[in-house]
């Protein structure tokens, strides 16, 4: 088998082919266009069994991945951390496109449980909307912070609740209060308030769209205690199809909930995994914290761990690891349900 590592950029992709023991066979650079991807496929055709390993930066590699998958070639995604490790272990010092492509190939040979790329599905739409909503929320926070400084300058006695400027009622009251002021500061504050209202409207609209999508795509995931619409959207979008992972343990490594062994001798120890997908890890942490605040299996498991002497942080880490398996099973259940054909009666009615 030949593994082809890819270092992707906006204008060009560099490909390096290695054999099953990591010896470099050939190198090629193609344009980051459909014609360039076709040239890469023709170049790879000189070997019988070929797999591709691309750096996990889907904004750069998405079109290439889609063309490779439509051609029937397997593609795995290599985390940048694995590539850095492979570069440091390489004989050739430095950093260049061929070195990075070779590092991707070597990392793919060394790591057997890398996530497999798949054709875009409904999870892609969820991710785009979720990321766009996050960007708008971040922008709204910046606008609110600037607005609060101007409001404090205009009226130091004006009191606004910590999250009040997310409420239309509070924003209407502030707009009415701004009508009594004149000058540049009041004008800027009015513009910022208008922008805040527009951003809030967009954020709420996106959340409604995400709610409809998540309810249709992942009803089993929403049944997990503590998993709301936004957490479910993050899990669906970042997972990008659970079936591309070989096992729940591989998924736990991807989410950063699998602990890292750090022991030698007779004492077995592990430490916190700071790698993995941090968006997934944050969503699992939100679910874990929510479960500890209400009755249920998560709360019982958390209390049992703390009773055994675990600290709050340690108990939450162990609960996140368990929730990773629960989420993985729920996502697989929903994906299999969507893959099943509709009953004949429903098809006839349609």
C-alpha atoms as a PDB file:
ATOM      1  CA  UNK A   1       0.000   0.000   0.000  1.00  0.00           C
ATOM      2  CA  UNK A   2       1.158   3.534  -0.800  1.00  0.00           C
ATOM      3  CA  UNK A   3       0.312   6.435   1.503  1.00  0.00           C
ATOM      4  CA  UNK A   4       0.278   9.898  -0.064  1.00  0.00           C
ATOM      5  CA  UNK A   5       0.663  12.802   2.341  1.00  0.00           C
ATOM      6  CA  UNK A   6      -0.718  16.173   1.310  1.00  0.00           C
ATOM      7  CA  UNK A   7       0.339  19.638   2.414  1.00  0.00           C
ATOM      8  CA  UNK A   8      -2.503  21.887   1.264  1.00  0.00           C
ATOM      9  CA  UNK A   9      -2.421  25.620   0.534  1.00  0.00           C
ATOM     10  CA  UNK A  10      -4.690  28.108  -1.204  1.00  0.00           C
ATOM     11  CA  UNK A  11      -2.928  27.918  -4.561  1.00  0.00           C
ATOM     12  CA  UNK A  12      -1.018  24.630  -4.554  1.00  0.00           C
ATOM     13  CA  UNK A  13      -1.039  21.182  -2.955  1.00  0.00           C
ATOM     14  CA  UNK A  14       2.204  19.264  -2.425  1.00  0.00           C
ATOM     15  CA  UNK A  15       1.970  15.464  -2.449  1.00  0.00           C
ATOM     16  CA  UNK A  16       4.570  12.983  -1.207  1.00  0.00           C
ATOM     17  CA  UNK A  17       4.122   9.218  -1.645  1.00  0.00           C
ATOM     18  CA  UNK A  18       5.677   6.714   0.765  1.00  0.00           C
ATOM     19  CA  UNK A  19       5.544   2.922   0.973  1.00  0.00           C
ATOM     20  CA  UNK A  20       4.209   0.884   3.891  1.00  0.00           C
ATOM     21  CA  UNK A  21       7.390   1.377   5.936  1.00  0.00           C
ATOM     22  CA  UNK A  22       7.620   5.120   5.277  1.00  0.00           C
ATOM     23  CA  UNK A  23      10.251   5.273   2.525  1.00  0.00           C
ATOM     24  CA  UNK A  24       9.724   8.211   0.180  1.00  0.00           C
ATOM     25  CA  UNK A  25       8.771   7.119  -3.334  1.00  0.00           C
ATOM     26  CA  UNK A  26       7.861  10.286  -5.232  1.00  0.00           C
ATOM     27  CA  UNK A  27       6.842  13.933  -4.892  1.00  0.00           C
ATOM     28  CA  UNK A  28       4.456  16.142  -6.882  1.00  0.00           C
ATOM     29  CA  UNK A  29       3.002  19.662  -6.619  1.00  0.00           C
ATOM     30  CA  UNK A  30      -0.343  20.436  -8.267  1.00  0.00           C
ATOM     31  CA  UNK A  31      -2.599  23.475  -8.499  1.00  0.00           C
ATOM     32  CA  UNK A  32      -5.416  23.775  -5.944  1.00  0.00           C
ATOM     33  CA  UNK A  33      -8.043  23.563  -8.681  1.00  0.00           C
ATOM     34  CA  UNK A  34     -10.208  20.836 -10.195  1.00  0.00           C
ATOM     35  CA  UNK A  35      -7.647  20.356 -12.981  1.00  0.00           C
ATOM     36  CA  UNK A  36      -4.889  20.125 -10.403  1.00  0.00           C
ATOM     37  CA  UNK A  37      -6.857  17.527  -8.430  1.00  0.00           C
ATOM     38  CA  UNK A  38      -7.334  15.518 -11.627  1.00  0.00           C
ATOM     39  CA  UNK A  39      -3.582  15.655 -12.217  1.00  0.00           C
ATOM     40  CA  UNK A  40      -3.041  14.380  -8.669  1.00  0.00           C
ATOM     41  CA  UNK A  41      -5.391  11.458  -9.328  1.00  0.00           C
ATOM     42  CA  UNK A  42      -3.580  10.599 -12.553  1.00  0.00           C
ATOM     43  CA  UNK A  43      -0.222  10.774 -10.764  1.00  0.00           C
ATOM     44  CA  UNK A  44      -1.487   8.505  -7.973  1.00  0.00           C
ATOM     45  CA  UNK A  45      -2.746   6.012 -10.564  1.00  0.00           C
ATOM     46  CA  UNK A  46       0.766   4.612 -11.006  1.00  0.00           C
ATOM     47  CA  UNK A  47       0.266   2.644  -7.770  1.00  0.00           C
ATOM     48  CA  UNK A  48      -2.345  -0.069  -7.255  1.00  0.00           C
ATOM     49  CA  UNK A  49      -3.441   0.583  -3.642  1.00  0.00           C
ATOM     50  CA  UNK A  50      -3.353   4.236  -2.582  1.00  0.00           C
ATOM     51  CA  UNK A  51      -4.593   6.164   0.457  1.00  0.00           C
ATOM     52  CA  UNK A  52      -4.363   9.904   1.083  1.00  0.00           C
ATOM     53  CA  UNK A  53      -3.493  11.668   4.344  1.00  0.00           C
ATOM     54  CA  UNK A  54      -4.359  15.361   4.577  1.00  0.00           C
ATOM     55  CA  UNK A  55      -3.796  17.826   7.375  1.00  0.00           C
ATOM     56  CA  UNK A  56      -7.026  18.396   9.314  1.00  0.00           C
ATOM     57  CA  UNK A  57      -7.663  21.951   8.090  1.00  0.00           C
ATOM     58  CA  UNK A  58     -10.896  21.489   6.179  1.00  0.00           C
ATOM     59  CA  UNK A  59     -11.107  25.075   4.973  1.00  0.00           C
ATOM     60  CA  UNK A  60      -8.040  24.291   2.834  1.00  0.00           C
ATOM     61  CA  UNK A  61      -8.624  20.656   1.929  1.00  0.00           C
ATOM     62  CA  UNK A  62     -12.394  20.366   1.515  1.00  0.00           C
ATOM     63  CA  UNK A  63     -12.503  20.526  -2.297  1.00  0.00           C
ATOM     64  CA  UNK A  64      -9.540  18.171  -2.580  1.00  0.00           C
ATOM     65  CA  UNK A  65     -11.142  15.721  -0.146  1.00  0.00           C
ATOM     66  CA  UNK A  66     -14.408  15.755  -2.077  1.00  0.00           C
ATOM     67  CA  UNK A  67     -12.671  15.077  -5.401  1.00  0.00           C
ATOM     68  CA  UNK A  68     -10.622  12.235  -3.922  1.00  0.00           C
ATOM     69  CA  UNK A  69     -13.620  10.642  -2.233  1.00  0.00           C
ATOM     70  CA  UNK A  70     -15.729  10.854  -5.404  1.00  0.00           C
ATOM     71  CA  UNK A  71     -12.887   9.040  -7.183  1.00  0.00           C
ATOM     72  CA  UNK A  72     -13.216   6.214  -4.647  1.00  0.00           C
ATOM     73  CA  UNK A  73      -9.943   6.835  -2.777  1.00  0.00           C
ATOM     74  CA  UNK A  74      -9.742   6.633   1.032  1.00  0.00           C
ATOM     75  CA  UNK A  75      -8.750   9.831   2.838  1.00  0.00           C
ATOM     76  CA  UNK A  76      -7.740  10.239   6.487  1.00  0.00           C
ATOM     77  CA  UNK A  77      -7.326  13.504   8.380  1.00  0.00           C
ATOM     78  CA  UNK A  78      -4.121  14.074  10.338  1.00  0.00           C
ATOM     79  CA  UNK A  79      -4.115  16.453  13.287  1.00  0.00           C
ATOM     80  CA  UNK A  80      -1.400  19.094  13.144  1.00  0.00           C
ATOM     81  CA  UNK A  81      -0.033  17.827  16.464  1.00  0.00           C
ATOM     82  CA  UNK A  82       0.766  14.454  14.894  1.00  0.00           C
ATOM     83  CA  UNK A  83       2.452  16.164  11.967  1.00  0.00           C
ATOM     84  CA  UNK A  84       4.660  18.209  14.304  1.00  0.00           C
ATOM     85  CA  UNK A  85       5.725  15.026  16.072  1.00  0.00           C
ATOM     86  CA  UNK A  86       6.531  13.364  12.753  1.00  0.00           C
ATOM     87  CA  UNK A  87       8.582  16.386  11.629  1.00  0.00           C
ATOM     88  CA  UNK A  88      10.655  16.345  14.807  1.00  0.00           C
ATOM     89  CA  UNK A  89      11.307  12.622  14.382  1.00  0.00           C
ATOM     90  CA  UNK A  90      12.338  13.031  10.744  1.00  0.00           C
ATOM     91  CA  UNK A  91      15.911  12.945   9.539  1.00  0.00           C
ATOM     92  CA  UNK A  92      15.602  16.122   7.495  1.00  0.00           C
ATOM     93  CA  UNK A  93      15.525  19.319   9.596  1.00  0.00           C
ATOM     94  CA  UNK A  94      13.470  22.362   8.736  1.00  0.00           C
ATOM     95  CA  UNK A  95       9.944  22.950   7.500  1.00  0.00           C
ATOM     96  CA  UNK A  96       8.782  23.038   3.898  1.00  0.00           C
ATOM     97  CA  UNK A  97       5.812  21.824   1.868  1.00  0.00           C
ATOM     98  CA  UNK A  98       7.449  18.467   0.989  1.00  0.00           C
ATOM     99  CA  UNK A  99       8.550  17.990   4.607  1.00  0.00           C
ATOM    100  CA  UNK A 100       5.002  18.692   5.835  1.00  0.00           C
ATOM    101  CA  UNK A 101       3.486  16.333   3.260  1.00  0.00           C
ATOM    102  CA  UNK A 102       5.955  13.618   4.260  1.00  0.00           C
ATOM    103  CA  UNK A 103       5.090  14.221   7.925  1.00  0.00           C
ATOM    104  CA  UNK A 104       1.369  13.773   7.138  1.00  0.00           C
ATOM    105  CA  UNK A 105       2.091  10.451   5.430  1.00  0.00           C
ATOM    106  CA  UNK A 106       4.305   9.205   8.272  1.00  0.00           C
ATOM    107  CA  UNK A 107       1.720  10.238  10.895  1.00  0.00           C
ATOM    108  CA  UNK A 108      -1.007   8.381   9.004  1.00  0.00           C
ATOM    109  CA  UNK A 109       1.109   5.215   8.932  1.00  0.00           C
ATOM    110  CA  UNK A 110       1.915   5.508  12.634  1.00  0.00           C
ATOM    111  CA  UNK A 111      -1.584   6.378  13.923  1.00  0.00           C
ATOM    112  CA  UNK A 112      -4.154   3.649  13.122  1.00  0.00           C
ATOM    113  CA  UNK A 113      -7.257   5.404  14.513  1.00  0.00           C
ATOM    114  CA  UNK A 114      -7.271   8.653  12.554  1.00  0.00           C
ATOM    115  CA  UNK A 115     -10.710   9.975  11.511  1.00  0.00           C
ATOM    116  CA  UNK A 116     -11.714   9.146   7.974  1.00  0.00           C
ATOM    117  CA  UNK A 117     -12.921  11.912   5.664  1.00  0.00           C
ATOM    118  CA  UNK A 118     -16.401  11.497   4.198  1.00  0.00           C
ATOM    119  CA  UNK A 119     -18.530  13.327   1.669  1.00  0.00           C
ATOM    120  CA  UNK A 120     -20.368  16.366   3.001  1.00  0.00           C
ATOM    121  CA  UNK A 121     -23.778  15.685   4.482  1.00  0.00           C
ATOM    122  CA  UNK A 122     -26.289  17.501   6.709  1.00  0.00           C
ATOM    123  CA  UNK A 123     -23.639  17.839   9.442  1.00  0.00           C
ATOM    124  CA  UNK A 124     -21.818  20.305   7.186  1.00  0.00           C
ATOM    125  CA  UNK A 125     -24.836  22.641   7.207  1.00  0.00           C
ATOM    126  CA  UNK A 126     -25.072  22.410  10.993  1.00  0.00           C
ATOM    127  CA  UNK A 127     -21.390  23.256  11.381  1.00  0.00           C
ATOM    128  CA  UNK A 128     -21.588  26.257   9.061  1.00  0.00           C
ATOM    129  CA  UNK A 129     -24.600  27.700  10.869  1.00  0.00           C
ATOM    130  CA  UNK A 130     -23.131  26.955  14.307  1.00  0.00           C
ATOM    131  CA  UNK A 131     -19.800  28.582  13.440  1.00  0.00           C
ATOM    132  CA  UNK A 132     -21.558  31.598  11.913  1.00  0.00           C
ATOM    133  CA  UNK A 133     -23.683  32.019  15.030  1.00  0.00           C
ATOM    134  CA  UNK A 134     -20.557  31.827  17.209  1.00  0.00           C
ATOM    135  CA  UNK A 135     -18.892  34.545  15.141  1.00  0.00           C
ATOM    136  CA  UNK A 136     -21.952  36.781  15.465  1.00  0.00           C
ATOM    137  CA  UNK A 137     -22.098  36.227  19.243  1.00  0.00           C
ATOM    138  CA  UNK A 138     -18.411  37.159  19.502  1.00  0.00           C
ATOM    139  CA  UNK A 139     -19.002  40.306  17.468  1.00  0.00           C
ATOM    140  CA  UNK A 140     -22.036  41.202  19.596  1.00  0.00           C
ATOM    141  CA  UNK A 141     -19.946  40.870  22.758  1.00  0.00           C
ATOM    142  CA  UNK A 142     -17.402  43.354  21.389  1.00  0.00           C
ATOM    143  CA  UNK A 143     -20.195  45.763  20.438  1.00  0.00           C
ATOM    144  CA  UNK A 144     -21.804  45.469  23.886  1.00  0.00           C
ATOM    145  CA  UNK A 145     -18.498  46.153  25.652  1.00  0.00           C
ATOM    146  CA  UNK A 146     -17.920  49.320  23.618  1.00  0.00           C
ATOM    147  CA  UNK A 147     -21.523  50.389  24.103  1.00  0.00           C
ATOM    148  CA  UNK A 148     -21.309  50.022  27.880  1.00  0.00           C
ATOM    149  CA  UNK A 149     -18.308  52.372  28.049  1.00  0.00           C
ATOM    150  CA  UNK A 150     -20.159  55.038  26.075  1.00  0.00           C
ATOM    151  CA  UNK A 151     -23.298  54.621  28.180  1.00  0.00           C
ATOM    152  CA  UNK A 152     -21.235  54.968  31.355  1.00  0.00           C
ATOM    153  CA  UNK A 153     -19.740  58.192  30.008  1.00  0.00           C
ATOM    154  CA  UNK A 154     -23.183  59.567  29.171  1.00  0.00           C
ATOM    155  CA  UNK A 155     -24.910  58.492  32.381  1.00  0.00           C
ATOM    156  CA  UNK A 156     -22.818  56.892  35.165  1.00  0.00           C
ATOM    157  CA  UNK A 157     -25.992  56.150  37.146  1.00  0.00           C
ATOM    158  CA  UNK A 158     -27.527  54.069  34.344  1.00  0.00           C
ATOM    159  CA  UNK A 159     -27.652  50.458  35.544  1.00  0.00           C
ATOM    160  CA  UNK A 160     -27.911  47.611  33.039  1.00  0.00           C
ATOM    161  CA  UNK A 161     -28.023  43.936  34.092  1.00  0.00           C
ATOM    162  CA  UNK A 162     -24.961  41.837  33.115  1.00  0.00           C
ATOM    163  CA  UNK A 163     -26.748  40.235  30.157  1.00  0.00           C
ATOM    164  CA  UNK A 164     -29.377  42.908  29.733  1.00  0.00           C
ATOM    165  CA  UNK A 165     -28.224  44.084  26.310  1.00  0.00           C
ATOM    166  CA  UNK A 166     -29.264  40.726  24.860  1.00  0.00           C
ATOM    167  CA  UNK A 167     -32.892  41.540  25.662  1.00  0.00           C
ATOM    168  CA  UNK A 168     -35.028  43.567  23.248  1.00  0.00           C
ATOM    169  CA  UNK A 169     -36.861  45.170  26.175  1.00  0.00           C
ATOM    170  CA  UNK A 170     -33.634  46.420  27.736  1.00  0.00           C
ATOM    171  CA  UNK A 171     -32.329  47.637  24.378  1.00  0.00           C
ATOM    172  CA  UNK A 172     -35.569  49.562  23.764  1.00  0.00           C
ATOM    173  CA  UNK A 173     -35.257  51.187  27.192  1.00  0.00           C
ATOM    174  CA  UNK A 174     -31.648  52.188  26.484  1.00  0.00           C
ATOM    175  CA  UNK A 175     -32.646  53.594  23.083  1.00  0.00           C
ATOM    176  CA  UNK A 176     -35.341  55.704  24.761  1.00  0.00           C
ATOM    177  CA  UNK A 177     -32.777  56.956  27.303  1.00  0.00           C
ATOM    178  CA  UNK A 178     -30.305  57.871  24.524  1.00  0.00           C
ATOM    179  CA  UNK A 179     -32.872  60.200  22.980  1.00  0.00           C
ATOM    180  CA  UNK A 180     -32.227  62.648  25.814  1.00  0.00           C
ATOM    181  CA  UNK A 181     -28.536  63.033  24.916  1.00  0.00           C
ATOM    182  CA  UNK A 182     -26.802  64.831  22.086  1.00  0.00           C
ATOM    183  CA  UNK A 183     -23.274  64.834  20.713  1.00  0.00           C
ATOM    184  CA  UNK A 184     -20.835  62.431  19.138  1.00  0.00           C
ATOM    185  CA  UNK A 185     -20.776  59.962  22.019  1.00  0.00           C
ATOM    186  CA  UNK A 186     -24.562  59.630  21.970  1.00  0.00           C
ATOM    187  CA  UNK A 187     -24.512  59.170  18.203  1.00  0.00           C
ATOM    188  CA  UNK A 188     -21.911  56.394  18.390  1.00  0.00           C
ATOM    189  CA  UNK A 189     -23.813  54.736  21.240  1.00  0.00           C
ATOM    190  CA  UNK A 190     -26.980  54.784  19.130  1.00  0.00           C
ATOM    191  CA  UNK A 191     -25.204  53.191  16.188  1.00  0.00           C
ATOM    192  CA  UNK A 192     -23.736  50.511  18.430  1.00  0.00           C
ATOM    193  CA  UNK A 193     -27.152  49.830  19.943  1.00  0.00           C
ATOM    194  CA  UNK A 194     -28.671  49.427  16.460  1.00  0.00           C
ATOM    195  CA  UNK A 195     -25.875  47.010  15.558  1.00  0.00           C
ATOM    196  CA  UNK A 196     -26.468  45.081  18.775  1.00  0.00           C
ATOM    197  CA  UNK A 197     -30.169  44.745  17.969  1.00  0.00           C
ATOM    198  CA  UNK A 198     -29.414  43.504  14.451  1.00  0.00           C
ATOM    199  CA  UNK A 199     -26.866  40.980  15.714  1.00  0.00           C
ATOM    200  CA  UNK A 200     -29.313  39.712  18.337  1.00  0.00           C
ATOM    201  CA  UNK A 201     -31.958  39.219  15.673  1.00  0.00           C
ATOM    202  CA  UNK A 202     -29.531  37.237  13.495  1.00  0.00           C
ATOM    203  CA  UNK A 203     -28.308  35.134  16.416  1.00  0.00           C
ATOM    204  CA  UNK A 204     -31.863  34.243  17.441  1.00  0.00           C
ATOM    205  CA  UNK A 205     -32.799  33.370  13.859  1.00  0.00           C
ATOM    206  CA  UNK A 206     -29.772  31.081  13.512  1.00  0.00           C
ATOM    207  CA  UNK A 207     -30.610  29.389  16.794  1.00  0.00           C
ATOM    208  CA  UNK A 208     -34.129  28.655  15.536  1.00  0.00           C
ATOM    209  CA  UNK A 209     -32.706  27.181  12.324  1.00  0.00           C
ATOM    210  CA  UNK A 210     -30.276  25.058  14.306  1.00  0.00           C
ATOM    211  CA  UNK A 211     -33.081  23.829  16.564  1.00  0.00           C
ATOM    212  CA  UNK A 212     -35.070  22.580  13.577  1.00  0.00           C
ATOM    213  CA  UNK A 213     -32.014  20.912  12.013  1.00  0.00           C
ATOM    214  CA  UNK A 214     -30.848  19.242  15.216  1.00  0.00           C
ATOM    215  CA  UNK A 215     -34.315  17.940  16.047  1.00  0.00           C
ATOM    216  CA  UNK A 216     -34.488  16.330  12.605  1.00  0.00           C
ATOM    217  CA  UNK A 217     -30.926  14.987  12.534  1.00  0.00           C
ATOM    218  CA  UNK A 218     -30.221  13.914  16.111  1.00  0.00           C
ATOM    219  CA  UNK A 219     -33.294  13.202  18.261  1.00  0.00           C
ATOM    220  CA  UNK A 220     -31.338  10.601  20.272  1.00  0.00           C
ATOM    221  CA  UNK A 221     -28.629  13.142  21.031  1.00  0.00           C
ATOM    222  CA  UNK A 222     -31.158  15.639  22.363  1.00  0.00           C
ATOM    223  CA  UNK A 223     -32.438  12.947  24.734  1.00  0.00           C
ATOM    224  CA  UNK A 224     -29.075  12.917  26.534  1.00  0.00           C
ATOM    225  CA  UNK A 225     -29.648  14.789  29.814  1.00  0.00           C
ATOM    226  CA  UNK A 226     -28.013  18.208  29.760  1.00  0.00           C
ATOM    227  CA  UNK A 227     -27.570  18.320  25.979  1.00  0.00           C
ATOM    228  CA  UNK A 228     -29.272  21.398  24.547  1.00  0.00           C
ATOM    229  CA  UNK A 229     -29.628  22.557  20.972  1.00  0.00           C
ATOM    230  CA  UNK A 230     -26.375  24.520  20.826  1.00  0.00           C
ATOM    231  CA  UNK A 231     -24.304  21.738  22.419  1.00  0.00           C
ATOM    232  CA  UNK A 232     -25.889  19.209  20.077  1.00  0.00           C
ATOM    233  CA  UNK A 233     -25.157  21.431  17.068  1.00  0.00           C
ATOM    234  CA  UNK A 234     -21.494  21.679  18.091  1.00  0.00           C
ATOM    235  CA  UNK A 235     -21.288  17.906  18.542  1.00  0.00           C
ATOM    236  CA  UNK A 236     -22.901  17.181  15.164  1.00  0.00           C
ATOM    237  CA  UNK A 237     -20.914  19.766  13.237  1.00  0.00           C
ATOM    238  CA  UNK A 238     -17.502  18.947  14.682  1.00  0.00           C
ATOM    239  CA  UNK A 239     -17.971  15.169  14.643  1.00  0.00           C
ATOM    240  CA  UNK A 240     -18.945  15.262  10.957  1.00  0.00           C
ATOM    241  CA  UNK A 241     -20.417  11.729  10.967  1.00  0.00           C
ATOM    242  CA  UNK A 242     -19.635   9.410  13.875  1.00  0.00           C
ATOM    243  CA  UNK A 243     -19.358   6.351  11.633  1.00  0.00           C
ATOM    244  CA  UNK A 244     -16.024   7.609  10.296  1.00  0.00           C
ATOM    245  CA  UNK A 245     -14.442   6.707  13.676  1.00  0.00           C
ATOM    246  CA  UNK A 246     -13.360   3.119  14.230  1.00  0.00           C
ATOM    247  CA  UNK A 247     -14.534   2.911  17.829  1.00  0.00           C
ATOM    248  CA  UNK A 248     -15.735   4.885  20.816  1.00  0.00           C
ATOM    249  CA  UNK A 249     -12.143   4.989  22.044  1.00  0.00           C
ATOM    250  CA  UNK A 250     -10.971   6.609  18.804  1.00  0.00           C
ATOM    251  CA  UNK A 251     -13.788   9.141  19.190  1.00  0.00           C
ATOM    252  CA  UNK A 252     -12.694   9.824  22.787  1.00  0.00           C
ATOM    253  CA  UNK A 253      -9.209  10.629  21.526  1.00  0.00           C
ATOM    254  CA  UNK A 254     -10.725  12.994  18.985  1.00  0.00           C
ATOM    255  CA  UNK A 255     -12.772  14.759  21.669  1.00  0.00           C
ATOM    256  CA  UNK A 256      -9.768  15.049  23.999  1.00  0.00           C
ATOM    257  CA  UNK A 257     -11.486  13.095  26.796  1.00  0.00           C
ATOM    258  CA  UNK A 258      -9.197  10.034  26.656  1.00  0.00           C
ATOM    259  CA  UNK A 259      -6.599  10.453  29.441  1.00  0.00           C
ATOM    260  CA  UNK A 260      -2.875  10.309  28.675  1.00  0.00           C
ATOM    261  CA  UNK A 261      -0.799   7.706  30.571  1.00  0.00           C
ATOM    262  CA  UNK A 262       2.137   9.192  32.524  1.00  0.00           C
ATOM    263  CA  UNK A 263       3.537   6.436  34.690  1.00  0.00           C
ATOM    264  CA  UNK A 264       6.568   4.269  35.139  1.00  0.00           C
ATOM    265  CA  UNK A 265       7.060   1.390  37.568  1.00  0.00           C
ATOM    266  CA  UNK A 266       4.334  -0.014  39.789  1.00  0.00           C
ATOM    267  CA  UNK A 267       2.043   3.023  40.012  1.00  0.00           C
ATOM    268  CA  UNK A 268      -0.360   3.642  37.135  1.00  0.00           C
ATOM    269  CA  UNK A 269      -1.172   7.305  36.548  1.00  0.00           C
ATOM    270  CA  UNK A 270      -2.811   9.370  33.841  1.00  0.00           C
ATOM    271  CA  UNK A 271      -3.042  13.098  33.209  1.00  0.00           C
ATOM    272  CA  UNK A 272      -5.441  15.481  31.512  1.00  0.00           C
ATOM    273  CA  UNK A 273      -5.485  15.363  27.728  1.00  0.00           C
ATOM    274  CA  UNK A 274      -5.194  18.937  26.464  1.00  0.00           C
ATOM    275  CA  UNK A 275      -5.371  17.846  22.837  1.00  0.00           C
ATOM    276  CA  UNK A 276      -8.309  16.791  20.728  1.00  0.00           C
ATOM    277  CA  UNK A 277     -11.074  18.947  19.358  1.00  0.00           C
ATOM    278  CA  UNK A 278     -11.618  21.657  21.959  1.00  0.00           C
ATOM    279  CA  UNK A 279     -15.074  22.603  20.669  1.00  0.00           C
ATOM    280  CA  UNK A 280     -16.252  19.024  21.230  1.00  0.00           C
ATOM    281  CA  UNK A 281     -14.509  18.939  24.581  1.00  0.00           C
ATOM    282  CA  UNK A 282     -16.211  22.166  25.635  1.00  0.00           C
ATOM    283  CA  UNK A 283     -19.634  20.841  24.588  1.00  0.00           C
ATOM    284  CA  UNK A 284     -19.085  17.664  26.616  1.00  0.00           C
ATOM    285  CA  UNK A 285     -17.956  19.748  29.595  1.00  0.00           C
ATOM    286  CA  UNK A 286     -21.143  21.838  29.376  1.00  0.00           C
ATOM    287  CA  UNK A 287     -23.265  18.673  29.385  1.00  0.00           C
ATOM    288  CA  UNK A 288     -21.267  17.259  32.309  1.00  0.00           C
ATOM    289  CA  UNK A 289     -21.657  20.397  34.427  1.00  0.00           C
ATOM    290  CA  UNK A 290     -25.387  20.510  33.650  1.00  0.00           C
ATOM    291  CA  UNK A 291     -25.815  16.872  34.699  1.00  0.00           C
ATOM    292  CA  UNK A 292     -24.065  17.459  38.025  1.00  0.00           C
ATOM    293  CA  UNK A 293     -26.664  20.093  38.868  1.00  0.00           C
ATOM    294  CA  UNK A 294     -29.690  17.824  38.474  1.00  0.00           C
ATOM    295  CA  UNK A 295     -30.720  14.289  39.384  1.00  0.00           C
ATOM    296  CA  UNK A 296     -29.828  11.503  36.988  1.00  0.00           C
ATOM    297  CA  UNK A 297     -27.126   8.992  36.035  1.00  0.00           C
ATOM    298  CA  UNK A 298     -24.536  11.721  35.552  1.00  0.00           C
ATOM    299  CA  UNK A 299     -25.185  13.183  38.995  1.00  0.00           C
ATOM    300  CA  UNK A 300     -25.061   9.735  40.628  1.00  0.00           C
ATOM    301  CA  UNK A 301     -21.769   8.903  38.904  1.00  0.00           C
ATOM    302  CA  UNK A 302     -20.289  12.276  39.889  1.00  0.00           C
ATOM    303  CA  UNK A 303     -21.339  11.868  43.524  1.00  0.00           C
ATOM    304  CA  UNK A 304     -19.902   8.341  43.631  1.00  0.00           C
ATOM    305  CA  UNK A 305     -16.548   9.593  42.357  1.00  0.00           C
ATOM    306  CA  UNK A 306     -16.360  12.467  44.828  1.00  0.00           C
ATOM    307  CA  UNK A 307     -17.305  10.095  47.655  1.00  0.00           C
ATOM    308  CA  UNK A 308     -14.301   7.952  46.702  1.00  0.00           C
ATOM    309  CA  UNK A 309     -12.007  10.926  47.160  1.00  0.00           C
ATOM    310  CA  UNK A 310     -11.863  12.343  43.647  1.00  0.00           C
ATOM    311  CA  UNK A 311     -11.699  16.116  43.354  1.00  0.00           C
ATOM    312  CA  UNK A 312     -14.398  18.024  41.504  1.00  0.00           C
ATOM    313  CA  UNK A 313     -12.143  18.480  38.458  1.00  0.00           C
ATOM    314  CA  UNK A 314     -11.168  14.809  38.397  1.00  0.00           C
ATOM    315  CA  UNK A 315     -14.791  13.718  38.672  1.00  0.00           C
ATOM    316  CA  UNK A 316     -15.808  16.034  35.832  1.00  0.00           C
ATOM    317  CA  UNK A 317     -13.008  14.647  33.629  1.00  0.00           C
ATOM    318  CA  UNK A 318     -14.183  11.079  34.231  1.00  0.00           C
ATOM    319  CA  UNK A 319     -17.791  12.100  33.582  1.00  0.00           C
ATOM    320  CA  UNK A 320     -16.741  13.765  30.304  1.00  0.00           C
ATOM    321  CA  UNK A 321     -15.056  10.534  29.258  1.00  0.00           C
ATOM    322  CA  UNK A 322     -18.237   8.586  29.931  1.00  0.00           C
ATOM    323  CA  UNK A 323     -20.344  11.197  28.135  1.00  0.00           C
ATOM    324  CA  UNK A 324     -18.095  10.879  25.078  1.00  0.00           C
ATOM    325  CA  UNK A 325     -19.212   7.240  24.753  1.00  0.00           C
ATOM    326  CA  UNK A 326     -22.856   8.197  25.327  1.00  0.00           C
ATOM    327  CA  UNK A 327     -22.717  10.892  22.648  1.00  0.00           C
ATOM    328  CA  UNK A 328     -20.930   8.552  20.227  1.00  0.00           C
ATOM    329  CA  UNK A 329     -23.648   5.911  20.598  1.00  0.00           C
ATOM    330  CA  UNK A 330     -26.410   8.501  20.203  1.00  0.00           C
ATOM    331  CA  UNK A 331     -24.850   9.910  17.031  1.00  0.00           C
ATOM    332  CA  UNK A 332     -24.447   6.424  15.564  1.00  0.00           C
ATOM    333  CA  UNK A 333     -28.073   5.617  16.404  1.00  0.00           C
ATOM    334  CA  UNK A 334     -29.312   8.740  14.639  1.00  0.00           C
ATOM    335  CA  UNK A 335     -27.092   8.144  11.600  1.00  0.00           C
ATOM    336  CA  UNK A 336     -28.292   4.561  11.227  1.00  0.00           C
ATOM    337  CA  UNK A 337     -31.898   5.673  11.572  1.00  0.00           C
ATOM    338  CA  UNK A 338     -31.421   8.190   8.747  1.00  0.00           C
ATOM    339  CA  UNK A 339     -29.753   5.554   6.589  1.00  0.00           C
ATOM    340  CA  UNK A 340     -32.687   3.161   6.858  1.00  0.00           C
ATOM    341  CA  UNK A 341     -35.268   3.417   4.043  1.00  0.00           C
ATOM    342  CA  UNK A 342     -38.646   4.816   4.923  1.00  0.00           C
ATOM    343  CA  UNK A 343     -41.509   2.317   5.375  1.00  0.00           C
ATOM    344  CA  UNK A 344     -43.459   1.465   2.225  1.00  0.00           C
ATOM    345  CA  UNK A 345     -46.589   3.101   3.578  1.00  0.00           C
ATOM    346  CA  UNK A 346     -44.804   6.411   4.141  1.00  0.00           C
ATOM    347  CA  UNK A 347     -43.193   6.234   0.690  1.00  0.00           C
ATOM    348  CA  UNK A 348     -46.598   5.634  -0.916  1.00  0.00           C
ATOM    349  CA  UNK A 349     -48.076   8.556   1.019  1.00  0.00           C
ATOM    350  CA  UNK A 350     -45.229  10.782  -0.130  1.00  0.00           C
END
